[in-house]
Amino acid sequence: MMNISVRNEDPVVVTQMANTLADVFIQKIPSLLAVENVQILSKSELQKNLKPVSPNVPLNFIIGAILGFIFGIFIIFIKQFVDQRFKTEKEVEDFLQLPVLGTIHKMKQK
């Protein structure tokens, strides 16, 4: 058993392509594989209630949001891990093993 699947924007073209491919398959396969009992179980038919198979916008949005969140968290962890600046006086004292003599504070802008 073989299933033929065709994708295109035009449903009429898809139906014609699938049926033509099935007809050619029936004509050519007996000579290629030495099989005589080749038949089509069902022809492709154009249906009235058509909806696109892809893109699936809600699914793509959810996947993009989840991947974006994971990527953002990953970037934050990498940035924190790679950052080697001193942030407090205690870190400077621990690193240099010397007391801090003075600090410069940020001034508020007016």
N, C-alpha and C. Protein backbone atom coordinates (compact mmCIF):
# COMPACT_ATOMS: atom_id res chain seq x y z
N MET A 1 0.85 -1.16 0.00
CA MET A 1 0.00 0.00 0.00
C MET A 1 0.90 1.23 0.00
N MET A 2 0.49 2.24 -0.74
CA MET A 2 1.26 3.48 -0.86
C MET A 2 0.31 4.66 -0.75
N ASN A 3 0.73 5.67 -0.01
CA ASN A 3 -0.07 6.87 0.16
C ASN A 3 0.63 8.02 -0.56
N ILE A 4 -0.09 8.74 -1.41
CA ILE A 4 0.48 9.86 -2.16
C ILE A 4 0.03 11.14 -1.48
N SER A 5 0.99 12.00 -1.16
CA SER A 5 0.69 13.27 -0.51
C SER A 5 1.31 14.39 -1.33
N VAL A 6 0.49 15.40 -1.67
CA VAL A 6 0.95 16.52 -2.49
C VAL A 6 0.55 17.82 -1.79
N ARG A 7 1.46 18.81 -1.81
CA ARG A 7 1.17 20.12 -1.22
C ARG A 7 1.33 21.21 -2.27
N ASN A 8 0.38 22.13 -2.27
CA ASN A 8 0.43 23.28 -3.15
C ASN A 8 -0.61 24.27 -2.65
N GLU A 9 -0.52 25.51 -3.10
CA GLU A 9 -1.49 26.52 -2.67
C GLU A 9 -2.84 26.34 -3.34
N ASP A 10 -2.86 25.78 -4.55
CA ASP A 10 -4.10 25.61 -5.30
C ASP A 10 -4.64 24.19 -5.12
N PRO A 11 -5.83 24.03 -4.51
CA PRO A 11 -6.36 22.69 -4.27
C PRO A 11 -6.69 21.92 -5.56
N VAL A 12 -7.03 22.62 -6.62
CA VAL A 12 -7.33 21.95 -7.89
C VAL A 12 -6.06 21.32 -8.45
N VAL A 13 -4.96 22.06 -8.40
CA VAL A 13 -3.68 21.56 -8.89
C VAL A 13 -3.24 20.35 -8.07
N VAL A 14 -3.43 20.41 -6.77
CA VAL A 14 -3.04 19.31 -5.89
C VAL A 14 -3.81 18.05 -6.25
N THR A 15 -5.10 18.18 -6.46
CA THR A 15 -5.92 17.03 -6.82
C THR A 15 -5.48 16.43 -8.14
N GLN A 16 -5.24 17.28 -9.13
CA GLN A 16 -4.79 16.79 -10.44
C GLN A 16 -3.41 16.12 -10.35
N MET A 17 -2.51 16.71 -9.59
CA MET A 17 -1.17 16.14 -9.45
C MET A 17 -1.23 14.76 -8.79
N ALA A 18 -2.01 14.62 -7.74
CA ALA A 18 -2.10 13.34 -7.03
C ALA A 18 -2.70 12.27 -7.92
N ASN A 19 -3.76 12.60 -8.63
CA ASN A 19 -4.40 11.62 -9.51
C ASN A 19 -3.51 11.25 -10.69
N THR A 20 -2.80 12.23 -11.27
CA THR A 20 -1.89 11.95 -12.38
C THR A 20 -0.74 11.07 -11.91
N LEU A 21 -0.20 11.37 -10.74
CA LEU A 21 0.88 10.55 -10.20
C LEU A 21 0.42 9.12 -9.96
N ALA A 22 -0.79 8.95 -9.46
CA ALA A 22 -1.33 7.60 -9.22
C ALA A 22 -1.50 6.86 -10.55
N ASP A 23 -2.00 7.56 -11.58
CA ASP A 23 -2.19 6.91 -12.89
C ASP A 23 -0.85 6.49 -13.51
N VAL A 24 0.14 7.35 -13.42
CA VAL A 24 1.47 7.02 -13.95
C VAL A 24 2.07 5.86 -13.16
N PHE A 25 1.86 5.86 -11.86
CA PHE A 25 2.36 4.78 -11.01
C PHE A 25 1.77 3.43 -11.46
N ILE A 26 0.47 3.42 -11.74
CA ILE A 26 -0.19 2.17 -12.17
C ILE A 26 0.37 1.70 -13.50
N GLN A 27 0.68 2.63 -14.40
CA GLN A 27 1.21 2.25 -15.71
C GLN A 27 2.65 1.76 -15.64
N LYS A 28 3.49 2.37 -14.82
CA LYS A 28 4.92 2.09 -14.83
C LYS A 28 5.37 1.00 -13.85
N ILE A 29 4.69 0.85 -12.74
CA ILE A 29 5.17 -0.06 -11.69
C ILE A 29 5.16 -1.53 -12.11
N PRO A 30 4.20 -2.02 -12.90
CA PRO A 30 4.26 -3.45 -13.27
C PRO A 30 5.54 -3.81 -14.03
N SER A 31 6.04 -2.90 -14.87
CA SER A 31 7.26 -3.21 -15.61
C SER A 31 8.52 -3.05 -14.75
N LEU A 32 8.46 -2.24 -13.74
CA LEU A 32 9.64 -2.00 -12.90
C LEU A 32 9.81 -3.04 -11.80
N LEU A 33 8.72 -3.48 -11.19
CA LEU A 33 8.81 -4.38 -10.03
C LEU A 33 8.23 -5.77 -10.28
N ALA A 34 7.80 -6.03 -11.45
CA ALA A 34 7.19 -7.32 -11.79
C ALA A 34 6.00 -7.62 -10.89
N VAL A 35 5.17 -6.61 -10.68
CA VAL A 35 3.96 -6.74 -9.89
C VAL A 35 2.78 -6.50 -10.82
N GLU A 36 1.77 -7.37 -10.75
CA GLU A 36 0.65 -7.23 -11.67
C GLU A 36 -0.61 -6.68 -11.01
N ASN A 37 -0.76 -6.84 -9.72
CA ASN A 37 -1.97 -6.43 -9.04
C ASN A 37 -1.80 -5.04 -8.43
N VAL A 38 -1.77 -4.02 -9.27
CA VAL A 38 -1.63 -2.64 -8.81
C VAL A 38 -2.96 -1.94 -9.06
N GLN A 39 -3.52 -1.35 -8.01
CA GLN A 39 -4.80 -0.66 -8.16
C GLN A 39 -4.87 0.53 -7.22
N ILE A 40 -5.74 1.47 -7.56
CA ILE A 40 -5.95 2.66 -6.75
C ILE A 40 -7.12 2.39 -5.81
N LEU A 41 -6.89 2.60 -4.51
CA LEU A 41 -7.96 2.38 -3.54
C LEU A 41 -8.93 3.56 -3.53
N SER A 42 -8.39 4.77 -3.61
CA SER A 42 -9.29 5.93 -3.67
C SER A 42 -8.58 7.06 -4.41
N LYS A 43 -9.32 7.71 -5.30
CA LYS A 43 -8.81 8.85 -6.05
C LYS A 43 -8.87 10.10 -5.19
N SER A 44 -8.04 11.05 -5.50
CA SER A 44 -8.07 12.33 -4.80
C SER A 44 -9.27 13.13 -5.29
N GLU A 45 -10.03 13.65 -4.34
CA GLU A 45 -11.22 14.43 -4.69
C GLU A 45 -11.14 15.80 -4.04
N LEU A 46 -11.64 16.80 -4.74
CA LEU A 46 -11.65 18.16 -4.22
C LEU A 46 -12.79 18.30 -3.22
N GLN A 47 -12.46 18.69 -2.00
CA GLN A 47 -13.47 18.83 -0.95
C GLN A 47 -13.93 20.28 -0.86
N LYS A 48 -15.13 20.48 -0.30
CA LYS A 48 -15.70 21.82 -0.22
C LYS A 48 -15.13 22.63 0.95
N ASN A 49 -15.02 22.04 2.11
CA ASN A 49 -14.52 22.75 3.30
C ASN A 49 -13.01 22.59 3.39
N LEU A 50 -12.29 23.48 2.72
CA LEU A 50 -10.84 23.40 2.70
C LEU A 50 -10.24 24.39 3.69
N LYS A 51 -9.21 23.95 4.39
CA LYS A 51 -8.44 24.86 5.22
C LYS A 51 -6.97 24.53 5.02
N PRO A 52 -6.10 25.52 5.10
CA PRO A 52 -4.69 25.28 4.82
C PRO A 52 -4.05 24.33 5.84
N VAL A 53 -3.14 23.51 5.35
CA VAL A 53 -2.42 22.57 6.20
C VAL A 53 -1.32 23.31 6.96
N SER A 54 -0.67 24.23 6.29
CA SER A 54 0.38 25.01 6.94
C SER A 54 0.36 26.41 6.34
N PRO A 55 0.79 27.43 6.97
CA PRO A 55 1.36 27.43 8.31
C PRO A 55 0.26 27.42 9.37
N ASN A 56 0.56 26.79 10.47
CA ASN A 56 -0.34 26.74 11.61
C ASN A 56 0.08 27.87 12.55
N VAL A 57 -0.54 29.04 12.39
CA VAL A 57 -0.11 30.25 13.08
C VAL A 57 -0.14 30.11 14.61
N PRO A 58 -1.20 29.61 15.23
CA PRO A 58 -1.17 29.50 16.70
C PRO A 58 -0.05 28.58 17.20
N LEU A 59 0.15 27.45 16.54
CA LEU A 59 1.20 26.53 16.94
C LEU A 59 2.58 27.17 16.75
N ASN A 60 2.79 27.84 15.62
CA ASN A 60 4.07 28.51 15.38
C ASN A 60 4.31 29.61 16.41
N PHE A 61 3.26 30.33 16.80
CA PHE A 61 3.40 31.39 17.81
C PHE A 61 3.81 30.80 19.16
N ILE A 62 3.15 29.72 19.56
CA ILE A 62 3.45 29.10 20.86
C ILE A 62 4.87 28.54 20.86
N ILE A 63 5.25 27.86 19.80
CA ILE A 63 6.62 27.32 19.72
C ILE A 63 7.64 28.45 19.74
N GLY A 64 7.38 29.55 19.00
CA GLY A 64 8.29 30.69 18.99
C GLY A 64 8.40 31.35 20.35
N ALA A 65 7.29 31.47 21.06
CA ALA A 65 7.32 32.08 22.39
C ALA A 65 8.11 31.22 23.37
N ILE A 66 7.90 29.92 23.33
CA ILE A 66 8.62 29.02 24.24
C ILE A 66 10.11 29.03 23.92
N LEU A 67 10.46 28.93 22.64
CA LEU A 67 11.88 28.94 22.27
C LEU A 67 12.52 30.29 22.59
N GLY A 68 11.79 31.39 22.39
CA GLY A 68 12.31 32.71 22.74
C GLY A 68 12.55 32.83 24.23
N PHE A 69 11.65 32.32 25.04
CA PHE A 69 11.82 32.36 26.50
C PHE A 69 13.04 31.55 26.92
N ILE A 70 13.16 30.34 26.38
CA ILE A 70 14.30 29.49 26.71
C ILE A 70 15.61 30.15 26.26
N PHE A 71 15.62 30.71 25.06
CA PHE A 71 16.82 31.37 24.56
C PHE A 71 17.18 32.58 25.42
N GLY A 72 16.18 33.35 25.84
CA GLY A 72 16.42 34.51 26.70
C GLY A 72 17.01 34.12 28.03
N ILE A 73 16.48 33.07 28.66
CA ILE A 73 17.01 32.58 29.93
C ILE A 73 18.45 32.10 29.73
N PHE A 74 18.70 31.40 28.64
CA PHE A 74 20.05 30.90 28.34
C PHE A 74 21.03 32.07 28.20
N ILE A 75 20.63 33.13 27.50
CA ILE A 75 21.50 34.30 27.33
C ILE A 75 21.78 34.97 28.68
N ILE A 76 20.76 35.07 29.52
CA ILE A 76 20.95 35.68 30.85
C ILE A 76 21.96 34.88 31.66
N PHE A 77 21.83 33.55 31.67
CA PHE A 77 22.78 32.73 32.42
C PHE A 77 24.20 32.85 31.86
N ILE A 78 24.33 32.86 30.55
CA ILE A 78 25.67 32.99 29.94
C ILE A 78 26.26 34.35 30.29
N LYS A 79 25.44 35.40 30.23
CA LYS A 79 25.95 36.74 30.55
C LYS A 79 26.40 36.82 32.01
N GLN A 80 25.66 36.24 32.92
CA GLN A 80 26.04 36.26 34.33
C GLN A 80 27.29 35.40 34.58
N PHE A 81 27.40 34.31 33.88
CA PHE A 81 28.54 33.41 34.07
C PHE A 81 29.84 34.03 33.54
N VAL A 82 29.76 34.75 32.42
CA VAL A 82 30.95 35.32 31.79
C VAL A 82 31.35 36.64 32.44
N ASP A 83 30.43 37.35 33.06
CA ASP A 83 30.72 38.65 33.67
C ASP A 83 31.65 38.48 34.86
N GLN A 84 32.85 39.09 34.79
CA GLN A 84 33.84 38.96 35.85
C GLN A 84 34.13 40.29 36.55
N ARG A 85 33.23 41.24 36.45
CA ARG A 85 33.44 42.54 37.11
C ARG A 85 33.16 42.43 38.61
N PHE A 86 33.79 43.34 39.35
CA PHE A 86 33.52 43.44 40.78
C PHE A 86 32.28 44.29 40.96
N LYS A 87 31.36 43.81 41.77
CA LYS A 87 30.10 44.54 41.96
C LYS A 87 29.98 45.12 43.36
N THR A 88 30.71 44.59 44.32
CA THR A 88 30.63 45.10 45.69
C THR A 88 32.04 45.29 46.25
N GLU A 89 32.09 46.07 47.34
CA GLU A 89 33.37 46.27 48.02
C GLU A 89 33.91 44.95 48.58
N LYS A 90 33.01 44.12 49.04
CA LYS A 90 33.40 42.83 49.62
C LYS A 90 34.13 41.96 48.59
N GLU A 91 33.67 41.96 47.33
CA GLU A 91 34.33 41.19 46.28
C GLU A 91 35.75 41.68 46.05
N VAL A 92 35.96 43.01 46.08
CA VAL A 92 37.30 43.59 45.89
C VAL A 92 38.20 43.18 47.06
N GLU A 93 37.70 43.29 48.27
CA GLU A 93 38.48 42.91 49.45
C GLU A 93 38.86 41.43 49.41
N ASP A 94 37.92 40.58 49.05
CA ASP A 94 38.20 39.15 48.99
C ASP A 94 39.22 38.81 47.90
N PHE A 95 39.14 39.50 46.78
CA PHE A 95 40.04 39.21 45.67
C PHE A 95 41.46 39.70 45.96
N LEU A 96 41.56 40.94 46.43
CA LEU A 96 42.89 41.53 46.67
C LEU A 96 43.45 41.19 48.05
N GLN A 97 42.59 40.77 48.95
CA GLN A 97 42.96 40.49 50.34
C GLN A 97 43.58 41.72 51.00
N LEU A 98 43.00 42.87 50.65
CA LEU A 98 43.39 44.16 51.21
C LEU A 98 42.12 44.92 51.57
N PRO A 99 42.18 45.80 52.56
CA PRO A 99 40.98 46.58 52.88
C PRO A 99 40.74 47.67 51.83
N VAL A 100 39.49 48.02 51.64
CA VAL A 100 39.13 49.09 50.72
C VAL A 100 39.29 50.42 51.45
N LEU A 101 40.04 51.34 50.83
CA LEU A 101 40.30 52.64 51.47
C LEU A 101 39.20 53.65 51.19
N GLY A 102 38.57 53.53 50.05
CA GLY A 102 37.50 54.49 49.71
C GLY A 102 36.72 54.01 48.52
N THR A 103 35.57 54.60 48.30
CA THR A 103 34.71 54.26 47.16
C THR A 103 34.25 55.53 46.48
N ILE A 104 33.87 55.42 45.25
CA ILE A 104 33.30 56.55 44.49
C ILE A 104 31.85 56.18 44.21
N HIS A 105 30.93 57.00 44.71
CA HIS A 105 29.52 56.74 44.52
C HIS A 105 29.03 57.45 43.26
N LYS A 106 27.98 56.90 42.69
CA LYS A 106 27.37 57.53 41.53
C LYS A 106 26.59 58.75 42.01
N MET A 107 26.69 59.84 41.25
CA MET A 107 25.97 61.06 41.58
C MET A 107 24.64 61.09 40.84
N LYS A 108 23.63 61.59 41.48
CA LYS A 108 22.33 61.72 40.84
C LYS A 108 22.37 62.90 39.88
N GLN A 109 21.79 62.70 38.70
CA GLN A 109 21.76 63.79 37.74
C GLN A 109 20.54 64.65 38.00
N LYS A 110 20.69 65.95 37.83
CA LYS A 110 19.58 66.87 38.08
C LYS A 110 18.90 67.26 36.80
